[in-house]
Protein backbone atom coordinates (compact mmCIF):
# COMPACT_ATOMS: atom_id res chain seq x y z
CA MET A 1 0.03 0.26 -0.18
CA LEU A 2 1.58 3.13 -0.88
CA LEU A 3 1.29 6.40 1.64
CA SER A 4 -0.96 8.17 -1.05
CA ASP A 5 -3.42 5.70 -0.68
CA VAL A 6 -4.20 6.54 2.74
CA ALA A 7 -4.10 10.34 2.16
CA ILE A 8 -4.38 12.23 5.22
CA ASP A 9 -2.97 15.02 6.14
CA ARG A 10 -3.43 18.49 8.35
CA HIS A 11 -6.48 20.06 6.43
CA ASP A 12 -8.12 16.81 6.58
CA ILE A 13 -7.70 16.36 10.44
CA GLU A 14 -8.45 20.06 10.66
CA ARG A 15 -12.02 19.62 8.99
CA ALA A 16 -12.76 16.37 10.83
CA ALA A 17 -12.10 18.52 14.20
CA ALA A 18 -14.47 20.91 13.18
CA ARG A 19 -16.96 18.30 12.75
CA ILE A 20 -16.66 16.06 15.93
CA GLY A 21 -15.02 19.32 18.40
CA PRO A 22 -18.59 19.75 19.65
CA HIS A 23 -18.63 15.87 21.18
CA LEU A 24 -15.46 16.40 22.56
CA ARG A 25 -13.68 17.82 25.53
CA ARG A 26 -10.35 19.79 24.37
CA THR A 27 -8.10 17.88 27.08
CA PRO A 28 -5.31 19.46 28.64
CA VAL A 29 -1.59 19.47 29.37
CA LEU A 30 0.23 19.24 31.99
CA ARG A 31 3.86 20.70 31.91
CA LEU A 32 6.69 19.45 34.13
CA SER A 33 10.28 19.50 34.44
CA GLY A 34 12.39 16.32 33.70
CA SER A 35 13.18 16.00 37.56
CA GLU A 36 10.04 15.88 38.74
CA ILE A 37 9.52 12.19 37.42
CA GLY A 38 13.33 11.44 37.20
CA VAL A 39 14.09 12.11 33.73
CA ALA A 40 16.74 14.31 32.25
CA ALA A 41 14.76 16.24 29.62
CA GLY A 42 14.36 20.24 28.63
CA GLY A 43 10.98 20.10 29.64
CA ILE A 44 8.15 17.20 29.71
CA THR A 45 4.82 18.22 28.23
CA LEU A 46 1.96 15.21 29.46
CA LYS A 47 -1.50 15.17 27.21
CA LEU A 48 -4.45 14.31 29.72
CA GLU A 49 -6.25 12.60 27.30
CA PHE A 50 -7.57 9.94 29.89
CA LEU A 51 -9.44 12.97 30.78
CA GLN A 52 -11.62 12.32 27.63
CA HIS A 53 -14.98 11.55 27.63
CA ALA A 54 -15.52 7.44 27.81
CA GLY A 55 -12.32 7.62 29.72
CA ALA A 56 -9.94 7.11 26.50
CA PHE A 57 -8.74 8.89 23.37
CA LYS A 58 -10.75 6.61 21.08
CA THR A 59 -13.71 8.52 21.70
CA ARG A 60 -12.50 11.01 18.75
CA GLY A 61 -12.23 8.21 16.70
CA ALA A 62 -15.63 6.80 17.86
CA PHE A 63 -17.18 9.74 16.93
CA ALA A 64 -15.29 10.21 13.61
CA ASN A 65 -17.23 7.31 12.44
CA LEU A 66 -20.31 7.49 13.00
CA LEU A 67 -20.26 11.76 11.88
CA LEU A 68 -18.40 11.09 9.08
CA ARG A 69 -19.94 8.35 7.64
CA ASP A 70 -23.38 7.20 6.85
CA ILE A 71 -25.20 5.33 9.42
CA PRO A 72 -27.61 2.38 8.34
CA ALA A 73 -30.76 1.51 10.02
CA ALA A 74 -28.88 -1.25 11.52
CA GLY A 75 -26.81 0.80 13.69
CA VAL A 76 -23.23 0.13 14.31
CA ALA A 77 -20.60 -2.60 15.21
CA ALA A 78 -17.57 -2.83 17.02
CA ALA A 79 -14.58 -5.28 17.31
CA SER A 80 -12.71 -3.88 20.92
CA GLY A 81 -10.15 -4.70 23.30
CA GLY A 82 -12.12 -2.45 25.13
CA ASN A 83 -11.64 1.62 25.11
CA HIS A 84 -13.02 1.29 21.68
CA GLY A 85 -15.79 -0.27 22.40
CA VAL A 86 -16.45 2.07 25.19
CA ALA A 87 -16.22 4.56 22.97
CA VAL A 88 -18.16 3.41 20.49
CA ALA A 89 -20.93 2.52 22.70
CA TYR A 90 -20.54 6.20 24.23
CA ALA A 91 -20.69 7.98 20.67
CA ALA A 92 -23.77 6.03 20.15
CA GLN A 93 -25.79 6.89 23.07
CA GLN A 94 -25.16 10.44 22.14
CA LEU A 95 -26.10 10.56 18.70
CA GLY A 96 -29.32 8.09 19.37
CA ILE A 97 -27.47 4.88 17.25
CA ARG A 98 -28.02 1.51 17.54
CA ALA A 99 -24.40 -0.29 18.87
CA ARG A 100 -24.01 -3.71 19.11
CA VAL A 101 -19.65 -4.45 20.63
CA PHE A 102 -17.64 -7.77 20.68
CA VAL A 103 -15.12 -7.79 23.25
CA PRO A 104 -12.88 -10.47 23.95
CA THR A 105 -12.45 -12.28 27.54
CA VAL A 106 -9.20 -10.04 28.17
CA ALA A 107 -11.08 -6.98 28.42
CA SER A 108 -11.33 -5.48 31.76
CA PRO A 109 -14.35 -6.12 33.92
CA ALA A 110 -14.14 -2.16 34.57
CA LYS A 111 -14.33 -1.61 30.40
CA ILE A 112 -17.06 -4.29 30.21
CA ASP A 113 -19.14 -2.10 32.76
CA ARG A 114 -18.74 1.00 31.29
CA ILE A 115 -19.80 -0.77 27.41
CA ARG A 116 -23.01 -1.83 29.56
CA SER A 117 -23.66 1.39 31.13
CA TYR A 118 -23.65 3.50 27.56
CA GLY A 119 -26.69 1.24 26.15
CA ALA A 120 -24.62 -0.80 24.05
CA ASP A 121 -25.51 -4.38 23.07
CA LEU A 122 -22.46 -6.38 24.60
CA VAL A 123 -21.00 -9.50 23.34
CA VAL A 124 -17.86 -11.29 24.89
CA HIS A 125 -16.10 -13.82 22.48
CA GLY A 126 -13.16 -15.49 22.47
CA ASP A 127 -9.86 -14.79 24.31
CA ARG A 128 -8.26 -12.04 22.10
CA TYR A 129 -9.34 -9.25 20.21
CA ALA A 130 -8.95 -10.97 16.76
CA ASP A 131 -11.62 -13.23 18.13
CA ALA A 132 -13.86 -10.09 18.97
CA LEU A 133 -12.93 -9.03 15.02
CA GLU A 134 -13.88 -12.28 13.49
CA ALA A 135 -17.42 -12.43 15.73
CA CYS A 136 -18.13 -8.61 14.62
CA THR A 137 -17.17 -9.24 11.02
CA ALA A 138 -19.61 -12.23 10.41
CA TRP A 139 -22.00 -9.88 12.67
CA VAL A 140 -21.60 -7.20 10.31
CA ALA A 141 -22.01 -9.14 7.04
CA GLY A 142 -25.58 -10.88 8.26
CA SER A 143 -27.24 -7.59 10.07
CA GLN A 144 -25.67 -4.66 7.48
CA ALA A 145 -24.73 -2.52 10.31
CA LEU A 146 -21.82 -0.69 10.20
CA ALA A 147 -18.54 -1.69 10.91
CA VAL A 148 -16.53 0.53 13.02
CA HIS A 149 -12.99 -0.17 12.95
CA ALA A 150 -10.71 0.26 16.41
CA PHE A 151 -7.68 1.51 14.15
CA ASP A 152 -7.64 0.50 10.71
CA GLN A 153 -10.58 3.08 9.49
CA ARG A 154 -9.38 6.21 7.43
CA GLU A 155 -12.05 8.22 9.85
CA THR A 156 -10.52 6.44 13.00
CA LEU A 157 -6.95 7.63 12.11
CA LEU A 158 -8.64 11.43 11.42
CA GLY A 159 -10.11 11.64 14.76
CA GLN A 160 -7.16 10.28 16.59
CA GLY A 161 -5.18 12.84 14.36
CA THR A 162 -7.23 15.80 16.70
CA ILE A 163 -4.98 14.98 19.39
CA ALA A 164 -1.74 15.75 17.89
CA MET A 165 -3.77 19.09 16.47
CA GLU A 166 -4.52 20.12 20.04
CA LEU A 167 -1.27 19.02 21.23
CA HIS A 168 0.51 21.08 18.43
CA GLU A 169 -1.61 24.11 19.63
CA GLN A 170 -0.79 23.46 23.66
CA ASP A 171 2.63 22.90 23.00
CA PRO A 172 4.46 23.90 19.37
CA ALA A 173 7.89 23.88 21.03
CA LEU A 174 7.67 19.98 21.24
CA ASP A 175 10.82 17.99 19.86
CA THR A 176 9.99 14.65 20.49
CA VAL A 177 6.01 12.88 20.67
CA LEU A 178 5.67 9.52 22.39
CA VAL A 179 2.79 7.21 21.74
CA ALA A 180 2.00 3.81 22.84
CA VAL A 181 1.22 1.50 19.78
CA GLY A 182 -1.50 -1.02 19.58
CA GLY A 183 -3.24 -1.67 16.52
CA GLY A 184 -1.50 1.95 15.37
CA GLY A 185 -4.58 4.24 15.06
CA LEU A 186 -3.45 6.57 17.58
CA ILE A 187 0.15 6.85 16.48
CA GLY A 188 -1.41 6.96 12.60
CA GLY A 189 -3.10 9.88 13.48
CA VAL A 190 -0.57 11.84 15.28
CA ALA A 191 2.29 10.78 12.52
CA SER A 192 -0.05 11.97 9.93
CA TRP A 193 -0.65 15.72 12.12
CA TYR A 194 3.16 16.13 12.71
CA ARG A 195 4.57 14.35 9.12
CA GLY A 196 8.23 14.12 10.50
CA ASP A 197 8.25 18.17 11.15
CA VAL A 198 8.26 16.29 15.34
CA ARG A 199 9.50 13.11 15.90
CA VAL A 200 6.82 10.72 16.50
CA ILE A 201 8.43 7.65 18.64
CA GLY A 202 6.41 4.42 19.35
CA VAL A 203 6.33 2.51 22.75
CA GLU A 204 5.14 -1.23 22.44
CA PRO A 205 4.45 -3.82 25.11
CA GLU A 206 7.58 -6.62 24.39
CA GLY A 207 4.53 -8.90 24.55
CA ALA A 208 2.70 -7.39 21.62
CA PRO A 209 5.18 -5.57 19.25
CA THR A 210 2.77 -5.27 16.28
CA LEU A 211 4.79 -2.29 14.55
CA THR A 212 8.36 -3.84 16.06
CA HIS A 213 7.22 -7.04 14.06
CA ALA A 214 5.74 -5.04 10.77
CA LEU A 215 8.39 -2.93 10.26
CA ALA A 216 11.18 -5.59 10.46
CA ALA A 217 9.22 -7.96 7.93
CA GLY A 218 8.13 -4.52 5.39
CA ARG A 219 4.68 -5.35 6.18
CA PRO A 220 1.79 -6.33 8.76
CA VAL A 221 2.67 -9.66 10.11
CA ASP A 222 1.31 -11.30 13.56
CA ALA A 223 2.80 -10.52 16.25
CA PRO A 224 2.66 -11.97 19.99
CA ALA A 225 -0.56 -10.63 21.91
CA GLY A 226 -0.04 -10.86 25.71
CA SER A 227 1.16 -7.91 28.11
CA VAL A 228 -0.11 -6.47 31.26
CA ALA A 229 -1.81 -4.23 28.48
CA ALA A 230 -3.22 -6.46 26.73
CA ASP A 231 -6.72 -5.40 26.93
CA SER A 232 -5.76 -1.81 24.63
CA LEU A 233 -2.15 -2.98 22.78
CA ALA A 234 -2.32 -6.41 21.81
CA PRO A 235 -4.44 -6.56 18.45
CA LYS A 236 -2.17 -9.05 16.62
CA ARG A 237 -1.08 -7.11 14.00
CA VAL A 238 -0.54 -3.69 13.20
CA GLY A 239 -3.46 -2.06 10.66
CA GLU A 240 -3.19 -1.94 6.84
CA LEU A 241 -3.47 1.93 6.66
CA VAL A 242 -1.10 2.71 9.84
CA PHE A 243 1.23 1.12 8.49
CA PRO A 244 2.42 3.05 5.41
CA ILE A 245 2.15 6.10 7.92
CA ALA A 246 4.58 4.92 10.58
CA GLN A 247 7.13 3.85 7.42
CA ALA A 248 6.81 7.24 6.22
CA HIS A 249 6.63 9.55 9.94
CA VAL A 250 7.48 7.31 12.88
CA ASP A 251 10.74 7.67 13.49
CA SER A 252 11.64 4.67 15.80
CA VAL A 253 9.72 1.89 17.82
CA ILE A 254 10.56 1.13 21.28
CA LEU A 255 10.30 -1.70 23.61
CA VAL A 256 9.22 -1.85 27.03
CA SER A 257 8.35 -4.55 29.66
CA ASP A 258 4.86 -5.38 31.57
CA GLU A 259 7.29 -4.54 34.71
CA ASP A 260 8.32 -1.09 32.49
CA ILE A 261 4.52 -0.70 32.34
CA VAL A 262 3.29 -1.03 35.64
CA ARG A 263 6.58 1.23 37.14
CA ALA A 264 5.15 3.84 35.22
CA GLN A 265 1.65 3.45 36.56
CA GLU A 266 3.01 4.10 40.09
CA LEU A 267 5.21 6.72 38.70
CA LEU A 268 2.30 8.73 37.22
CA TRP A 269 0.50 7.80 40.64
CA ASP A 270 3.13 8.94 43.11
CA ALA A 271 4.27 11.63 41.59
CA LEU A 272 1.76 13.48 40.11
CA ARG A 273 -1.90 11.70 41.28
CA ILE A 274 -2.58 10.52 37.62
CA VAL A 275 -4.19 7.13 37.24
CA ALA A 276 -3.67 5.19 34.03
CA GLU A 277 -4.29 2.13 33.00
CA PRO A 278 -1.31 -0.33 31.81
CA GLY A 279 -1.83 0.94 28.25
CA GLY A 280 -2.47 4.16 28.80
CA ALA A 281 0.68 4.39 30.99
CA THR A 282 3.27 2.62 28.25
CA ALA A 283 4.40 5.83 26.26
CA CYS A 284 5.20 7.07 30.02
CA ALA A 285 6.93 3.70 30.68
CA ALA A 286 9.82 4.42 27.90
CA LEU A 287 10.88 7.29 29.48
CA ALA A 288 10.22 6.34 33.34
CA SER A 289 12.40 3.11 32.71
CA GLY A 290 15.62 4.84 30.60
CA ARG A 291 14.30 3.30 27.18
CA TYR A 292 14.20 6.73 25.99
CA ARG A 293 16.68 9.19 27.12
CA PRO A 294 16.04 12.54 25.77
CA SER A 295 18.73 14.55 24.44
CA PRO A 296 19.99 17.60 26.96
CA GLY A 297 17.12 20.37 26.49
CA GLU A 298 14.97 18.42 24.59
CA ARG A 299 11.41 18.58 24.57
CA VAL A 300 9.41 15.65 25.02
CA GLY A 301 5.45 14.89 24.60
CA VAL A 302 3.54 11.87 26.41
CA ILE A 303 0.50 11.21 25.59
CA ILE A 304 -1.53 9.45 28.80
CA SER A 305 -3.91 7.34 26.61
CA GLY A 306 -6.51 6.30 29.21
CA ALA A 307 -7.70 5.66 32.39
CA ASN A 308 -10.42 3.19 32.28
CA THR A 309 -9.31 0.84 34.72
CA VAL A 310 -10.62 -0.71 38.59
CA ILE A 311 -10.30 1.01 41.65
CA ARG A 312 -10.84 -0.48 44.97
CA ARG A 313 -13.87 0.87 46.52
CA ALA A 314 -15.02 1.35 49.93
CA SER A 315 -17.76 -1.11 51.56
CA SER A 316 -20.61 0.19 52.09
């Protein structure tokens, strides 16, 4: 696939932002000195996307799909490890659209509960995202519902690209942006906005190296689908639409361990009182673990992408 086949640029993202913006929160940023989290850097800017409606960045892509595409009477259907399903359920509820969401058993209880709370029909099928996607595809073929893909859909990429548009407005002096990678919708949208003007670096769990394996093979290929972040960053392979964007505009990809991810979650809480799910903390894990070491004076942006996790509640 050629990059021209995807053809997403800043003007496309700006047009999408104008359409979906009224339904979204403009999430804030938090500027830190590197010393606040024990990192030598010229400055760190956290994009607090976990404050988005439905608790994750996926809400942007969900609204882009539901507002930029024609919706049939049968409504929409989505397969998800969790956050995409939550986002589609939320967007569908807000727009009065029928939605059916397929998730695997690995989906966290917090995400399953949120999908149900937004009124979508929920189907739990298979152990991994690929199993849920297969069931969703079969349902769409029989029902004529509109499939809303978690990452490999042009509208999804456009929606996720609006994060980078906002971040650029909030901190135009960034040198580098760290982005967690699962199927690649987020990094594809971010890289489509920056297009080499800012270094975009992917961060993947060692147990789910989808983009790492694709870049090594020269095409999307199956990769392991494990990790503490498996419910958001382990779709088996990176998206076909995402891959040429990554080849052209992603500087490099860093792998982090599950231990790195958990420690990043702990650091975000201990230092900043930020609660992030494992996938949401994965980009930060590259900094916190030292696997990414900024150059002197380098300004680094980090997208904290989701917080749909379980908290311990006091007994009533």
